Protein backbone atom coordinates (compact mmCIF):
# COMPACT_ATOMS: atom_id res chain seq x y z
CA MET A 1 -223.08 -224.86 -10.36
CA LYS A 2 -224.09 -225.02 -13.96
CA PHE A 3 -222.76 -221.81 -14.65
CA LEU A 4 -219.77 -222.45 -12.74
CA PHE A 5 -219.02 -225.21 -15.07
CA PHE A 6 -218.93 -223.12 -17.99
CA ILE A 7 -217.34 -220.32 -16.58
CA LEU A 8 -214.65 -222.17 -14.88
CA PRO A 9 -212.78 -223.54 -18.46
CA ALA A 10 -212.91 -219.97 -19.57
CA LEU A 11 -211.41 -218.41 -16.51
CA LEU A 12 -208.69 -221.20 -16.69
CA PHE A 13 -208.24 -220.79 -20.43
CA VAL A 14 -207.40 -216.89 -19.63
CA HIS A 15 -205.01 -217.97 -17.08
CA CYS A 16 -203.28 -220.47 -18.91
CA SER A 17 -203.22 -217.80 -21.82
CA ARG A 18 -201.76 -215.15 -19.93
CA THR A 19 -198.97 -217.49 -18.45
CA SER A 20 -198.15 -218.62 -22.09
CA GLN A 21 -197.80 -214.94 -22.83
CA ASN A 22 -195.63 -214.12 -19.95
CA SER A 23 -193.65 -217.10 -20.43
CA GLU A 24 -193.18 -216.24 -24.28
CA LYS A 25 -192.24 -212.96 -23.37
CA ALA A 26 -189.59 -213.85 -21.09
CA GLY A 27 -188.47 -216.59 -23.37
CA ARG A 28 -187.85 -213.46 -26.24
CA GLN A 29 -186.07 -211.76 -23.48
CA LEU A 30 -183.34 -213.93 -22.74
CA ASN A 31 -182.60 -214.86 -25.87
CA THR A 32 -182.15 -211.43 -27.17
CA LEU A 33 -179.81 -211.17 -24.09
CA PHE A 34 -177.65 -213.99 -25.30
CA GLU A 35 -177.31 -212.66 -28.62
CA GLU A 36 -176.35 -209.29 -27.34
CA TYR A 37 -173.56 -211.02 -25.32
CA PHE A 38 -172.48 -213.53 -27.97
CA GLU A 39 -172.30 -210.42 -30.22
CA GLU A 40 -169.92 -208.27 -27.77
CA TRP A 41 -167.96 -211.72 -26.83
CA LEU A 42 -166.77 -212.49 -30.49
CA PRO A 43 -164.39 -209.08 -30.95
CA LEU A 44 -162.90 -209.95 -27.47
CA PHE A 45 -162.28 -213.70 -28.50
CA PRO A 46 -161.25 -213.40 -32.35
CA VAL A 47 -159.54 -217.05 -32.40
CA GLU A 48 -162.31 -218.73 -30.76
CA ALA A 49 -164.73 -217.08 -33.35
CA ALA A 50 -162.58 -218.40 -36.09
CA LEU A 51 -162.24 -221.88 -34.01
CA SER A 52 -158.80 -214.35 -21.44
CA GLY A 53 -160.74 -210.58 -21.82
CA ILE A 54 -163.69 -210.68 -20.11
CA THR A 55 -167.20 -209.36 -21.37
CA ASP A 56 -169.16 -206.94 -19.21
CA ASN A 57 -170.31 -209.41 -17.20
CA GLU A 58 -171.74 -207.25 -14.40
CA LYS A 59 -174.01 -205.73 -16.84
CA TYR A 60 -175.61 -208.89 -18.03
CA LEU A 61 -176.03 -210.02 -14.49
CA GLN A 62 -178.03 -206.99 -14.07
CA LYS A 63 -179.97 -207.26 -17.43
CA ILE A 64 -180.59 -211.09 -16.70
CA SER A 65 -182.01 -210.25 -13.20
CA ALA A 66 -185.10 -208.59 -14.58
CA ILE A 67 -186.17 -211.84 -16.04
CA ASP A 68 -187.85 -214.62 -13.71
CA PRO A 69 -186.59 -217.95 -14.48
CA ALA A 70 -190.08 -219.22 -13.21
CA GLN A 71 -191.50 -217.88 -16.29
CA LEU A 72 -189.58 -219.72 -18.62
CA PRO A 73 -190.06 -223.21 -20.03
CA GLU A 74 -187.64 -225.98 -19.24
CA GLY A 75 -184.96 -225.47 -21.89
CA ASP A 76 -184.95 -221.77 -21.46
CA ARG A 77 -184.40 -222.30 -17.83
CA ILE A 78 -181.30 -224.42 -18.23
CA ASN A 79 -179.99 -221.59 -20.66
CA TYR A 80 -180.77 -219.11 -18.21
CA HIS A 81 -179.16 -220.75 -15.11
CA THR A 82 -176.32 -222.02 -17.63
CA PHE A 83 -175.59 -218.25 -18.64
CA VAL A 84 -175.89 -216.80 -14.89
CA TYR A 85 -173.26 -219.65 -13.98
CA GLU A 86 -170.86 -218.53 -16.92
CA LEU A 87 -171.34 -215.04 -16.04
CA LYS A 88 -170.49 -215.28 -12.05
CA THR A 89 -167.44 -217.74 -13.17
CA ASN A 90 -165.96 -214.82 -15.14
CA LEU A 91 -166.52 -212.29 -12.70
CA GLU A 92 -164.73 -214.71 -9.83
CA SER A 93 -161.77 -215.07 -12.17
CA LEU A 94 -160.99 -211.63 -11.92
CA ARG A 95 -159.75 -212.40 -8.34
CA TYR A 96 -156.93 -214.06 -9.56
CA ASN A 97 -154.34 -213.21 -12.50
CA ASP A 98 -153.49 -215.59 -15.09
CA HIS A 99 -153.50 -212.71 -17.76
CA LEU A 100 -149.82 -212.16 -16.18
CA MET A 101 -148.64 -215.40 -17.21
CA PRO A 102 -150.04 -215.51 -20.62
CA ILE A 103 -147.32 -218.04 -22.14
CA ASN A 104 -146.82 -221.56 -21.77
CA GLN A 105 -144.99 -224.29 -23.77
CA PHE A 106 -148.38 -225.85 -24.66
CA SER A 107 -151.18 -223.64 -25.78
CA SER A 108 -150.05 -220.31 -26.13
CA MET A 109 -151.10 -217.66 -28.92
CA THR A 110 -147.37 -218.20 -29.77
CA LEU A 111 -148.34 -221.68 -31.09
CA ILE A 112 -151.93 -221.00 -31.94
CA PHE A 113 -151.11 -218.23 -34.35
CA PRO A 114 -148.63 -220.22 -36.87
CA LEU A 115 -151.70 -222.90 -36.87
CA LEU A 116 -153.76 -220.19 -38.11
CA GLY A 117 -151.50 -218.90 -40.52
CA SER A 118 -150.64 -222.33 -42.08
CA GLY A 119 -153.37 -222.27 -44.36
CA SER A 120 -154.21 -226.00 -42.98
CA PHE A 121 -156.18 -224.78 -39.79
CA VAL A 122 -159.19 -223.22 -38.81
CA GLN A 123 -158.53 -219.88 -40.26
CA PRO A 124 -160.17 -219.84 -43.99
CA PHE A 125 -157.80 -219.01 -46.84
CA LYS A 126 -160.45 -219.29 -50.03
CA THR A 127 -161.01 -215.74 -50.91
CA PRO A 128 -159.34 -212.53 -51.08
CA GLU A 129 -161.18 -211.18 -48.45
CA ASP A 130 -159.83 -214.34 -46.09
CA TYR A 131 -156.17 -213.32 -46.79
CA ASP A 132 -156.81 -209.58 -46.09
CA ALA A 133 -158.58 -210.41 -42.63
CA PHE A 134 -155.38 -212.87 -41.88
CA LEU A 135 -153.21 -209.39 -42.64
CA GLY A 136 -155.26 -207.93 -40.08
CA ARG A 137 -154.67 -210.34 -37.63
CA ILE A 138 -151.01 -209.97 -37.78
CA THR A 139 -151.31 -206.72 -36.61
CA GLY A 140 -153.26 -207.79 -33.95
CA PHE A 141 -150.63 -210.53 -32.99
CA GLN A 142 -148.14 -207.49 -33.06
CA GLN A 143 -150.37 -206.13 -30.46
CA TRP A 144 -150.91 -209.09 -28.28
CA VAL A 145 -147.22 -209.52 -27.97
CA ASP A 146 -146.81 -206.35 -26.73
CA THR A 147 -149.53 -206.83 -24.27
CA ALA A 148 -148.01 -210.13 -23.19
CA ILE A 149 -144.80 -208.30 -22.23
CA VAL A 150 -146.40 -205.81 -20.33
CA ASN A 151 -148.35 -208.27 -18.38
CA MET A 152 -145.13 -210.36 -17.76
CA ARG A 153 -143.46 -207.60 -16.44
CA GLU A 154 -146.31 -206.59 -14.10
CA GLY A 155 -146.11 -210.23 -13.07
CA MET A 156 -142.66 -210.09 -12.28
CA LYS A 157 -143.03 -207.55 -9.91
CA LEU A 158 -145.81 -209.09 -8.17
CA GLY A 159 -143.92 -212.31 -7.98
CA ILE A 160 -146.68 -214.24 -10.34
CA THR A 161 -144.35 -215.88 -12.90
CA GLN A 162 -144.07 -219.10 -14.80
CA PRO A 163 -142.10 -221.83 -13.95
CA LYS A 164 -138.75 -221.60 -15.33
CA PHE A 165 -138.55 -225.04 -16.73
CA ILE A 166 -141.65 -224.17 -18.56
CA MET A 167 -140.31 -221.18 -20.28
CA GLU A 168 -137.09 -222.85 -20.99
CA LYS A 169 -139.29 -225.13 -23.26
CA VAL A 170 -141.19 -221.92 -24.76
CA LEU A 171 -137.79 -220.38 -26.21
CA PRO A 172 -137.06 -222.90 -28.80
CA GLN A 173 -141.00 -222.58 -30.15
CA LEU A 174 -140.38 -218.91 -30.45
CA LYS A 175 -137.04 -219.52 -31.86
CA ASP A 176 -138.51 -221.62 -34.92
CA GLN A 177 -140.53 -218.56 -35.94
CA ILE A 178 -137.46 -216.49 -36.49
CA VAL A 179 -136.67 -217.63 -40.01
CA GLN A 180 -134.09 -215.87 -42.45
CA ASN A 181 -136.51 -216.26 -45.63
CA ALA A 182 -140.06 -214.94 -45.25
CA GLU A 183 -140.85 -217.45 -47.92
CA LYS A 184 -139.61 -220.60 -45.88
CA SER A 185 -142.15 -219.43 -43.17
CA SER A 186 -145.35 -221.39 -42.41
CA PHE A 187 -147.28 -217.89 -42.63
CA PHE A 188 -146.40 -218.03 -46.06
CA ASP A 189 -147.89 -221.26 -46.87
CA PRO A 190 -151.33 -219.65 -47.72
CA VAL A 191 -149.46 -217.89 -50.43
CA HIS A 192 -147.71 -220.97 -52.02
CA ASN A 193 -151.27 -222.82 -51.83
CA LEU A 194 -153.06 -220.15 -53.42
CA PRO A 195 -156.71 -221.48 -54.46
CA PRO A 196 -157.82 -221.55 -58.16
CA GLY A 197 -159.34 -218.03 -59.29
CA PHE A 198 -157.22 -215.61 -58.18
CA GLU A 199 -155.99 -213.06 -61.12
CA ASN A 200 -152.04 -212.31 -61.57
CA GLY A 201 -152.31 -209.16 -60.32
CA GLU A 202 -154.11 -210.55 -56.99
CA LYS A 203 -151.24 -213.11 -56.37
CA GLU A 204 -148.69 -210.48 -57.16
CA GLU A 205 -150.02 -208.31 -54.74
CA LEU A 206 -150.54 -210.93 -51.80
CA THR A 207 -147.18 -212.48 -52.43
CA ILE A 208 -145.37 -209.07 -51.51
CA ARG A 209 -147.89 -207.87 -48.60
CA TYR A 210 -147.36 -211.28 -47.21
CA LYS A 211 -143.80 -211.25 -47.51
CA ASN A 212 -143.40 -207.69 -45.85
CA ALA A 213 -145.89 -208.62 -42.76
CA ILE A 214 -143.88 -211.74 -42.29
CA GLU A 215 -140.62 -209.84 -42.48
CA GLN A 216 -141.69 -206.64 -40.66
CA GLN A 217 -144.37 -207.73 -38.18
CA ILE A 218 -144.24 -211.55 -37.29
CA ILE A 219 -140.57 -212.23 -37.13
CA PRO A 220 -139.90 -208.92 -35.17
CA SER A 221 -142.60 -209.66 -32.81
CA TYR A 222 -141.30 -213.29 -32.34
CA ARG A 223 -137.57 -211.90 -31.96
CA LYS A 224 -138.93 -209.33 -29.71
CA LEU A 225 -140.71 -211.74 -27.48
CA TYR A 226 -137.91 -214.24 -27.46
CA ASP A 227 -135.13 -211.43 -26.51
CA PHE A 228 -137.54 -210.33 -23.59
CA ILE A 229 -138.07 -214.11 -22.17
CA LYS A 230 -134.64 -214.98 -22.65
CA ASN A 231 -133.00 -211.82 -21.23
CA GLU A 232 -135.52 -210.60 -18.65
CA TYR A 233 -138.02 -212.73 -18.09
CA LEU A 234 -136.23 -216.06 -17.63
CA PRO A 235 -133.82 -214.89 -14.92
CA ALA A 236 -136.90 -213.62 -13.00
CA CYS A 237 -138.63 -217.11 -13.20
CA ARG A 238 -139.76 -218.74 -10.01
CA THR A 239 -137.80 -222.17 -9.29
CA SER A 240 -141.09 -223.87 -8.06
CA ALA A 241 -143.74 -225.57 -9.76
CA GLY A 242 -146.81 -225.21 -7.93
CA LEU A 243 -149.69 -222.79 -7.81
CA SER A 244 -149.76 -222.79 -4.08
CA GLU A 245 -146.60 -220.80 -4.27
CA LEU A 246 -147.90 -217.80 -5.80
CA PRO A 247 -149.84 -215.22 -3.97
CA ASP A 248 -152.98 -216.46 -2.77
CA GLY A 249 -151.84 -219.45 -4.74
CA LYS A 250 -154.27 -222.01 -2.78
CA ALA A 251 -157.58 -220.27 -3.10
CA TRP A 252 -156.56 -219.96 -6.62
CA TYR A 253 -155.98 -223.54 -7.11
CA ALA A 254 -159.41 -224.26 -5.17
CA TRP A 255 -161.12 -221.98 -7.40
CA GLN A 256 -159.51 -223.93 -10.71
CA VAL A 257 -160.77 -226.93 -9.35
CA ARG A 258 -164.17 -225.83 -8.72
CA LYS A 259 -164.16 -224.19 -12.34
CA TRP A 260 -162.74 -227.17 -14.31
CA THR A 261 -164.74 -229.84 -12.42
CA THR A 262 -168.11 -227.67 -12.35
CA SER A 263 -168.27 -229.03 -8.99
CA ARG A 264 -167.92 -228.29 -5.43
CA LEU A 265 -165.03 -230.60 -4.55
CA ILE A 266 -162.32 -229.37 -2.80
CA PRO A 267 -158.46 -230.24 -3.72
CA GLU A 268 -158.59 -232.91 -1.03
CA GLU A 269 -161.63 -234.82 -2.22
CA ILE A 270 -160.03 -234.59 -5.87
CA PHE A 271 -156.63 -236.15 -4.29
CA GLU A 272 -158.74 -239.15 -2.68
CA THR A 273 -160.37 -239.89 -5.95
CA GLY A 274 -157.34 -240.16 -7.68
CA VAL A 275 -155.90 -242.92 -5.02
CA SER A 276 -158.81 -244.91 -5.23
CA GLU A 277 -158.53 -244.91 -9.10
CA ILE A 278 -155.13 -245.57 -9.06
CA GLU A 279 -156.08 -248.87 -6.96
CA ARG A 280 -159.16 -249.94 -8.87
CA ILE A 281 -157.15 -249.49 -12.18
CA GLU A 282 -154.13 -251.33 -10.83
CA GLY A 283 -156.08 -254.37 -10.13
CA GLN A 284 -157.68 -254.43 -13.76
CA MET A 285 -154.17 -254.60 -14.98
CA MET A 286 -153.00 -257.24 -12.88
CA GLY A 287 -156.32 -259.12 -14.21
CA ILE A 288 -154.74 -258.58 -18.00
CA LEU A 289 -151.34 -259.78 -16.73
CA LEU A 290 -153.18 -263.10 -15.42
CA HIS A 291 -154.82 -263.39 -18.61
CA VAL A 292 -151.84 -263.30 -20.95
CA GLY A 293 -149.65 -265.12 -18.57
CA PHE A 294 -147.10 -262.91 -18.09
CA PRO A 295 -144.70 -263.90 -15.34
CA GLY A 296 -143.51 -260.53 -13.81
CA ASN A 297 -144.94 -257.51 -12.35
CA LEU A 298 -146.65 -254.12 -13.93
CA SER A 299 -143.33 -252.31 -14.22
CA GLU A 300 -141.75 -255.38 -15.92
CA PHE A 301 -144.57 -255.85 -18.21
CA TYR A 302 -144.49 -252.30 -19.00
CA GLY A 303 -141.06 -253.00 -19.91
CA HIS A 304 -142.33 -255.71 -22.12
CA LEU A 305 -144.36 -253.31 -24.08
CA ARG A 306 -141.66 -250.72 -24.54
CA THR A 307 -139.23 -252.88 -26.18
CA ASP A 308 -141.62 -255.27 -28.14
CA PRO A 309 -141.02 -254.26 -31.83
CA ARG A 310 -144.31 -255.57 -32.91
CA PHE A 311 -145.84 -252.57 -30.82
CA TYR A 312 -144.39 -250.16 -32.83
CA PHE A 313 -144.37 -248.60 -36.56
CA ASN A 314 -141.63 -248.05 -38.52
CA ARG A 315 -142.82 -245.00 -40.49
CA PRO A 316 -145.03 -242.09 -39.81
CA GLU A 317 -147.74 -243.12 -42.69
CA GLU A 318 -148.43 -246.52 -40.87
CA LEU A 319 -149.31 -244.65 -37.92
CA LEU A 320 -151.81 -242.26 -39.67
CA GLU A 321 -152.94 -245.19 -41.87
CA GLY A 322 -153.82 -247.15 -38.71
CA TYR A 323 -155.70 -244.27 -37.48
CA GLN A 324 -157.73 -244.26 -40.95
CA ASN A 325 -158.35 -247.87 -40.41
CA LEU A 326 -159.92 -247.00 -36.98
CA LYS A 327 -162.03 -244.48 -38.47
CA THR A 328 -163.42 -246.71 -41.11
CA VAL A 329 -164.21 -249.47 -38.52
CA VAL A 330 -165.93 -247.32 -35.82
CA SER A 331 -167.99 -245.44 -38.28
CA GLN A 332 -169.36 -248.66 -39.37
CA LYS A 333 -170.67 -249.53 -36.15
CA LEU A 334 -171.55 -245.91 -34.86
CA PRO A 335 -175.09 -246.32 -36.27
CA GLU A 336 -175.65 -249.58 -33.97
CA TYR A 337 -175.10 -247.15 -30.75
CA PHE A 338 -176.41 -243.80 -31.65
CA GLY A 339 -179.63 -242.62 -33.13
CA LYS A 340 -178.33 -239.18 -34.27
CA LEU A 341 -174.92 -238.43 -35.85
CA PRO A 342 -173.31 -235.15 -36.99
CA SER A 343 -173.17 -234.18 -40.15
CA THR A 344 -170.02 -232.95 -40.28
CA ASP A 345 -166.66 -234.96 -40.84
CA PHE A 346 -163.43 -235.04 -39.56
CA ASP A 347 -160.05 -235.09 -41.43
CA ILE A 348 -156.84 -236.94 -39.93
CA LYS A 349 -153.89 -234.91 -40.06
CA ARG A 350 -150.12 -234.94 -39.30
CA VAL A 351 -149.08 -232.30 -36.71
CA GLU A 352 -146.79 -229.90 -38.20
CA ALA A 353 -143.10 -230.58 -38.26
CA PHE A 354 -142.74 -226.79 -36.14
CA ARG A 355 -144.61 -227.58 -33.03
CA GLU A 356 -144.36 -231.76 -33.09
CA THR A 357 -141.56 -231.96 -30.16
CA THR A 358 -143.77 -230.61 -27.81
CA ALA A 359 -147.26 -231.22 -28.95
CA ALA A 360 -149.39 -233.92 -27.61
CA GLY A 361 -149.42 -237.11 -28.97
CA ALA A 362 -152.88 -236.80 -30.59
CA GLU A 363 -155.51 -233.98 -30.18
CA TYR A 364 -158.96 -233.07 -31.82
CA TRP A 365 -160.33 -229.45 -33.12
CA PRO A 366 -163.94 -228.97 -33.55
CA PRO A 367 -165.21 -228.24 -37.30
CA ALA A 368 -166.59 -224.70 -38.31
CA ALA A 369 -170.14 -223.99 -37.41
CA ASP A 370 -171.36 -223.53 -40.92
CA ASP A 371 -170.17 -227.08 -42.40
CA ASN A 372 -167.56 -225.44 -44.50
CA ARG A 373 -164.42 -227.05 -42.68
CA PRO A 374 -164.51 -230.16 -40.92
CA GLY A 375 -162.99 -231.27 -37.56
CA ILE A 376 -159.27 -232.05 -37.30
CA PHE A 377 -157.75 -234.93 -35.29
CA TYR A 378 -154.06 -234.20 -35.10
CA VAL A 379 -151.85 -237.03 -34.95
CA ASN A 380 -148.39 -236.60 -33.95
CA THR A 381 -145.79 -238.71 -35.76
CA TYR A 382 -142.55 -237.23 -34.01
CA ASP A 383 -140.53 -239.97 -32.43
CA LEU A 384 -142.51 -243.09 -33.31
CA SER A 385 -140.80 -245.14 -30.23
CA SER A 386 -142.98 -243.25 -28.09
CA ARG A 387 -146.41 -243.82 -30.15
CA PRO A 388 -147.12 -247.65 -28.95
CA GLN A 389 -150.23 -249.06 -31.09
CA TYR A 390 -151.82 -250.34 -28.21
CA LEU A 391 -152.56 -246.80 -27.11
CA MET A 392 -154.05 -246.06 -30.71
CA THR A 393 -157.89 -247.28 -30.31
CA SER A 394 -158.27 -245.78 -27.04
CA THR A 395 -157.10 -242.18 -28.32
CA PHE A 396 -159.10 -242.64 -31.21
CA LEU A 397 -162.16 -243.29 -29.38
CA HIS A 398 -161.44 -240.60 -26.93
CA GLU A 399 -160.74 -237.46 -29.46
CA THR A 400 -162.97 -238.56 -32.39
CA ILE A 401 -165.98 -241.00 -32.54
CA PRO A 402 -167.80 -241.60 -30.24
CA GLY A 403 -165.56 -239.09 -28.16
CA HIS A 404 -164.98 -235.35 -28.93
CA HIS A 405 -166.16 -235.05 -32.50
CA LEU A 406 -169.49 -236.68 -32.09
CA GLN A 407 -170.30 -234.60 -28.75
CA ILE A 408 -168.85 -231.45 -29.99
CA ALA A 409 -170.12 -231.50 -33.59
CA LEU A 410 -173.63 -232.50 -32.56
CA GLN A 411 -173.17 -229.67 -29.87
CA GLN A 412 -172.38 -227.22 -32.56
CA GLU A 413 -175.31 -227.97 -34.84
CA GLN A 414 -178.11 -227.66 -32.19
CA THR A 415 -179.36 -224.79 -33.73
CA ALA A 416 -182.16 -224.37 -30.98
CA LEU A 417 -179.66 -223.23 -28.41
CA PRO A 418 -178.29 -220.22 -27.95
CA ARG A 419 -174.68 -219.73 -29.42
CA PHE A 420 -173.17 -219.28 -26.24
CA ARG A 421 -173.80 -222.71 -25.28
CA ARG A 422 -173.35 -224.18 -29.03
CA TYR A 423 -169.79 -223.39 -28.91
CA LYS A 424 -168.93 -223.39 -25.01
CA TYR A 425 -166.79 -226.32 -23.88
CA TYR A 426 -167.16 -227.47 -20.30
CA ASP A 427 -164.20 -229.92 -19.37
CA ALA A 428 -165.97 -231.88 -17.12
CA PHE A 429 -168.77 -232.81 -19.44
CA SER A 430 -166.42 -233.07 -22.53
CA GLU A 431 -163.56 -235.08 -21.16
CA GLY A 432 -165.94 -237.26 -19.15
CA TRP A 433 -168.01 -237.89 -22.12
CA ALA A 434 -164.84 -239.04 -23.87
CA LEU A 435 -163.63 -241.42 -21.10
CA TYR A 436 -167.08 -243.01 -21.00
CA CYS A 437 -166.40 -243.46 -24.78
CA GLU A 438 -163.47 -245.36 -24.43
CA GLU A 439 -165.02 -247.66 -22.01
CA LEU A 440 -167.76 -247.84 -24.70
CA GLY A 441 -165.39 -249.26 -27.67
CA GLN A 442 -165.31 -252.59 -25.34
CA GLU A 443 -168.80 -253.22 -25.95
CA MET A 444 -168.53 -251.80 -29.44
CA GLY A 445 -165.72 -254.46 -30.19
CA VAL A 446 -163.15 -252.28 -31.32
CA TYR A 447 -160.33 -253.01 -29.14
CA GLU A 448 -158.47 -255.61 -31.36
CA ASN A 449 -156.86 -257.46 -28.45
CA ILE A 450 -156.17 -257.63 -24.80
CA TYR A 451 -152.96 -255.52 -25.29
CA HIS A 452 -154.94 -252.58 -26.87
CA TYR A 453 -157.80 -252.88 -23.70
CA PHE A 454 -154.34 -252.32 -21.17
CA GLY A 455 -153.70 -249.41 -23.44
CA LYS A 456 -156.76 -248.04 -22.39
CA LEU A 457 -156.26 -248.75 -18.94
CA SER A 458 -153.06 -246.93 -19.48
CA ASP A 459 -154.73 -244.15 -20.49
CA GLU A 460 -157.07 -243.90 -17.50
CA ALA A 461 -153.94 -244.70 -14.96
CA VAL A 462 -152.33 -241.38 -16.31
CA ARG A 463 -155.53 -239.60 -15.54
CA ALA A 464 -155.78 -240.92 -12.10
CA VAL A 465 -152.29 -240.17 -11.35
CA ARG A 466 -152.71 -236.43 -12.42
CA LEU A 467 -155.33 -236.05 -9.72
CA VAL A 468 -153.14 -237.34 -7.19
CA VAL A 469 -149.96 -235.29 -8.20
CA ASP A 470 -151.78 -232.18 -9.71
CA VAL A 471 -153.23 -231.77 -5.99
CA GLY A 472 -149.90 -232.43 -4.20
CA LEU A 473 -148.07 -230.20 -6.68
CA HIS A 474 -150.12 -227.31 -6.50
CA PHE A 475 -151.86 -227.22 -3.24
CA HIS A 476 -150.44 -229.37 -0.65
CA ASP A 477 -147.31 -231.13 -0.96
CA GLU A 478 -148.15 -233.06 2.24
CA LEU A 479 -150.99 -234.92 0.68
CA LEU A 480 -148.18 -236.76 -1.13
CA ARG A 481 -146.20 -237.35 1.87
CA GLU A 482 -148.72 -238.37 4.13
CA GLY A 483 -151.17 -239.54 1.73
CA SER A 484 -152.77 -243.02 1.23
CA ILE A 485 -150.32 -244.28 -1.08
CA PRO A 486 -146.28 -243.70 0.22
CA LEU A 487 -144.31 -241.48 -1.84
CA ASN A 488 -142.02 -243.95 -2.82
CA VAL A 489 -144.95 -246.06 -4.33
CA LEU A 490 -146.09 -242.95 -5.98
CA ALA A 491 -142.91 -242.54 -7.58
CA GLU A 492 -142.96 -245.80 -9.10
CA ARG A 493 -146.04 -245.62 -10.25
CA MET A 494 -145.71 -242.36 -11.89
CA ASN A 495 -142.63 -243.75 -13.63
CA ARG A 496 -144.34 -246.76 -14.83
CA TRP A 497 -147.54 -244.85 -16.37
CA VAL A 498 -146.31 -241.35 -17.57
CA GLY A 499 -142.26 -241.70 -17.30
CA GLU A 500 -140.13 -243.65 -19.72
CA GLN A 501 -142.60 -246.38 -20.71
CA LEU A 502 -144.99 -244.01 -22.28
CA LYS A 503 -143.18 -241.24 -23.22
CA PRO A 504 -145.81 -238.73 -22.70
CA GLY A 505 -146.67 -235.59 -24.41
CA PRO A 506 -146.43 -232.31 -22.65
CA GLU A 507 -150.09 -232.54 -21.64
CA GLU A 508 -149.32 -235.76 -19.38
CA ILE A 509 -146.57 -234.07 -17.43
């Protein structure tokens, strides 16, 4: 027994040592795999690299199957299962044909590319090499336009097109880029704003090269796309709106639900969630009406908010200043609630004129991974009558701090994570966090008054109505006719929350 007493720890040590070695080996294999994947992913997603094509997912699924997750420490096991989920989701997406509808009025390359080329977005314009790099991207954009047209023609053959009303909104966006003078194009702005340090010869050469690229590549590409959509694609577009009207549309939509929620919820469950949320939020709203002593119903209260000038600014600068003041107030309170804050800041910028009529009321773009560029919170100052002050606080908390900026910037700064996780955006998590931050604002004491908290509830109501209408529109319109809320009542609520009262941006339609 005495012998065993001494030999047993030695055997345990050998066993633990081998287990540790196996774990370290598996961890090294896993992280090497992650880096290989990310390096192959970057060329296929050049915009995201600055800020869909699918990598060879089956190849990486085969490679990762050689690694036993049971041998991995907890952190690597999370990375392992997240990676497998990502690969399988990408493969499943190939069943459907998103690539045959590459353009919409809200988030297409046709809108993102002018942002990249403006010099005020995520694309760097600091060195001669930066300027050369974007000229290469212009050639890539030409190729993208040609590919998009080929894909849309294939979609027309298969009956997979965008709704006509969406593409009608795209046409003026394209037309805005077809300028008569290259130097008036937003793509020429980086040349207007050359940083110090460029020699005269470099300035002259860049001026010529950018002028030629705009005249010979960018404008012709936008004109080609405009003519194709107006004369060929638009007449072939469907008059329906829902995804279920497309081939295999209901399965396509059910998959979209699983993808965006990262859950196993079915569309009917999403619908019922929206119904219950509408009832809950409406109850809270009525409590506020009682609190302020308003004598009418919710529709009348919204009419009051819509017409009372004290809830609106008169000049764009006042709206921007209001958000800057919110940044000061919230920034001072953050250390009381969060032990770790991102090292990267964010700027507040006005939405550019060329996209302000179709852009969201506000939007956030993450910072550069190398800390060389802050995040960007874009504020749309177009039509100030649709930008009520009582929505500002919830919008700010959601989009910036402690919402998207805090969460995403901190995620990017976690250098111990593999890069595919540092830069991956999961809507269910990120949007859920931002929604929680709107409510946290009440505890933080940053809602200026009861009307601003009502604005927070209005934002929640918009999302709840979306759950109901989205499922009814894209999956099962009988749910709208036969659901828990009568259609006429739902229509009245839609008008109240996302209709004329709030004049929503495209993301709320």
